[in-house]
Amino acid sequence: MKVAQKTKMKKLFNEAGVQINLNALNMLDDQLDRIVHKWVQNTIDGNVRRLTPELLWIALGKFIQNP
């Protein structure tokens, strides 16, 4: 699943003076995919049916610290 816009990611790296190739971009995209899936699972585990800004801490896995 494509998660990130690779052109935006590449632009950010280039603006920082770092060259990044397509394989590295694909690996970062895969990592982002894993993170998003973890957020989804955290939301399901937190019994949240509609994610709102007030409940975002659940998706991020901050079960102990409710802001």
C-alpha atoms as a PDB file:
ATOM      1  CA  MET A   1       0.000   0.000   0.000  1.00  0.00           C
ATOM      2  CA  LYS A   2       1.324   3.415  -0.920  1.00  0.00           C
ATOM      3  CA  VAL A   3       1.168   5.593   2.187  1.00  0.00           C
ATOM      4  CA  ALA A   4       3.352   8.600   1.513  1.00  0.00           C
ATOM      5  CA  GLN A   5       3.730  10.859  -1.471  1.00  0.00           C
ATOM      6  CA  LYS A   6       7.257   9.961  -2.460  1.00  0.00           C
ATOM      7  CA  THR A   7       7.808  13.217  -4.333  1.00  0.00           C
ATOM      8  CA  LYS A   8       7.162  15.161  -1.115  1.00  0.00           C
ATOM      9  CA  MET A   9       9.475  12.875   0.865  1.00  0.00           C
ATOM     10  CA  LYS A  10      12.209  13.160  -1.744  1.00  0.00           C
ATOM     11  CA  LYS A  11      11.831  16.960  -1.795  1.00  0.00           C
ATOM     12  CA  LEU A  12      12.239  17.156   1.999  1.00  0.00           C
ATOM     13  CA  PHE A  13      15.417  15.081   1.874  1.00  0.00           C
ATOM     14  CA  ASN A  14      16.769  17.109  -1.053  1.00  0.00           C
ATOM     15  CA  GLU A  15      16.042  20.401   0.728  1.00  0.00           C
ATOM     16  CA  ALA A  16      18.101  19.077   3.650  1.00  0.00           C
ATOM     17  CA  GLY A  17      20.960  18.313   1.252  1.00  0.00           C
ATOM     18  CA  VAL A  18      20.477  14.538   1.403  1.00  0.00           C
ATOM     19  CA  GLN A  19      20.222  12.397  -1.701  1.00  0.00           C
ATOM     20  CA  ILE A  20      17.803   9.483  -1.456  1.00  0.00           C
ATOM     21  CA  ASN A  21      17.245   6.747  -4.000  1.00  0.00           C
ATOM     22  CA  LEU A  22      14.048   4.934  -4.939  1.00  0.00           C
ATOM     23  CA  ASN A  23      14.837   1.841  -2.853  1.00  0.00           C
ATOM     24  CA  ALA A  24      15.283   3.950   0.281  1.00  0.00           C
ATOM     25  CA  LEU A  25      12.028   5.795  -0.451  1.00  0.00           C
ATOM     26  CA  ASN A  26      10.232   2.467  -0.842  1.00  0.00           C
ATOM     27  CA  MET A  27      11.652   1.232   2.457  1.00  0.00           C
ATOM     28  CA  LEU A  28      10.505   4.410   4.235  1.00  0.00           C
ATOM     29  CA  ASP A  29       7.065   4.028   2.673  1.00  0.00           C
ATOM     30  CA  ASP A  30       6.918   0.438   3.942  1.00  0.00           C
ATOM     31  CA  GLN A  31       7.852   1.611   7.441  1.00  0.00           C
ATOM     32  CA  LEU A  32       5.143   4.288   7.327  1.00  0.00           C
ATOM     33  CA  ASP A  33       2.654   1.621   6.263  1.00  0.00           C
ATOM     34  CA  ARG A  34       3.575  -0.447   9.332  1.00  0.00           C
ATOM     35  CA  ILE A  35       3.165   2.583  11.601  1.00  0.00           C
ATOM     36  CA  VAL A  36      -0.272   3.407  10.173  1.00  0.00           C
ATOM     37  CA  HIS A  37      -1.381  -0.210  10.606  1.00  0.00           C
ATOM     38  CA  LYS A  38      -0.236  -0.022  14.244  1.00  0.00           C
ATOM     39  CA  TRP A  39      -2.278   3.164  14.720  1.00  0.00           C
ATOM     40  CA  VAL A  40      -5.331   1.425  13.272  1.00  0.00           C
ATOM     41  CA  GLN A  41      -4.863  -1.559  15.584  1.00  0.00           C
ATOM     42  CA  ASN A  42      -4.401   0.747  18.592  1.00  0.00           C
ATOM     43  CA  THR A  43      -7.656   2.482  17.678  1.00  0.00           C
ATOM     44  CA  ILE A  44      -9.479  -0.841  17.403  1.00  0.00           C
ATOM     45  CA  ASP A  45      -7.954  -2.063  20.692  1.00  0.00           C
ATOM     46  CA  GLY A  46      -9.043   1.196  22.332  1.00  0.00           C
ATOM     47  CA  ASN A  47     -12.625   0.469  21.234  1.00  0.00           C
ATOM     48  CA  VAL A  48     -12.813   3.720  19.254  1.00  0.00           C
ATOM     49  CA  ARG A  49     -15.348   3.800  16.427  1.00  0.00           C
ATOM     50  CA  ARG A  50     -14.712   7.392  15.300  1.00  0.00           C
ATOM     51  CA  LEU A  51     -11.245   8.888  15.659  1.00  0.00           C
ATOM     52  CA  THR A  52     -11.317  12.562  16.600  1.00  0.00           C
ATOM     53  CA  PRO A  53      -8.525  14.947  17.600  1.00  0.00           C
ATOM     54  CA  GLU A  54      -9.510  14.426  21.235  1.00  0.00           C
ATOM     55  CA  LEU A  55      -8.998  10.658  20.895  1.00  0.00           C
ATOM     56  CA  LEU A  56      -5.873  10.747  18.761  1.00  0.00           C
ATOM     57  CA  TRP A  57      -3.750   9.756  21.767  1.00  0.00           C
ATOM     58  CA  ILE A  58      -5.350   6.310  21.581  1.00  0.00           C
ATOM     59  CA  ALA A  59      -4.269   5.779  17.976  1.00  0.00           C
ATOM     60  CA  LEU A  60      -0.754   6.905  18.818  1.00  0.00           C
ATOM     61  CA  GLY A  61      -0.577   4.292  21.580  1.00  0.00           C
ATOM     62  CA  LYS A  62      -0.438   6.669  24.521  1.00  0.00           C
ATOM     63  CA  PHE A  63      -2.869   4.705  26.667  1.00  0.00           C
ATOM     64  CA  ILE A  64      -1.252   5.718  29.955  1.00  0.00           C
ATOM     65  CA  GLN A  65      -1.156   9.460  29.320  1.00  0.00           C
ATOM     66  CA  ASN A  66      -4.535  10.911  28.515  1.00  0.00           C
ATOM     67  CA  PRO A  67      -3.909  14.612  27.745  1.00  0.00           C
END
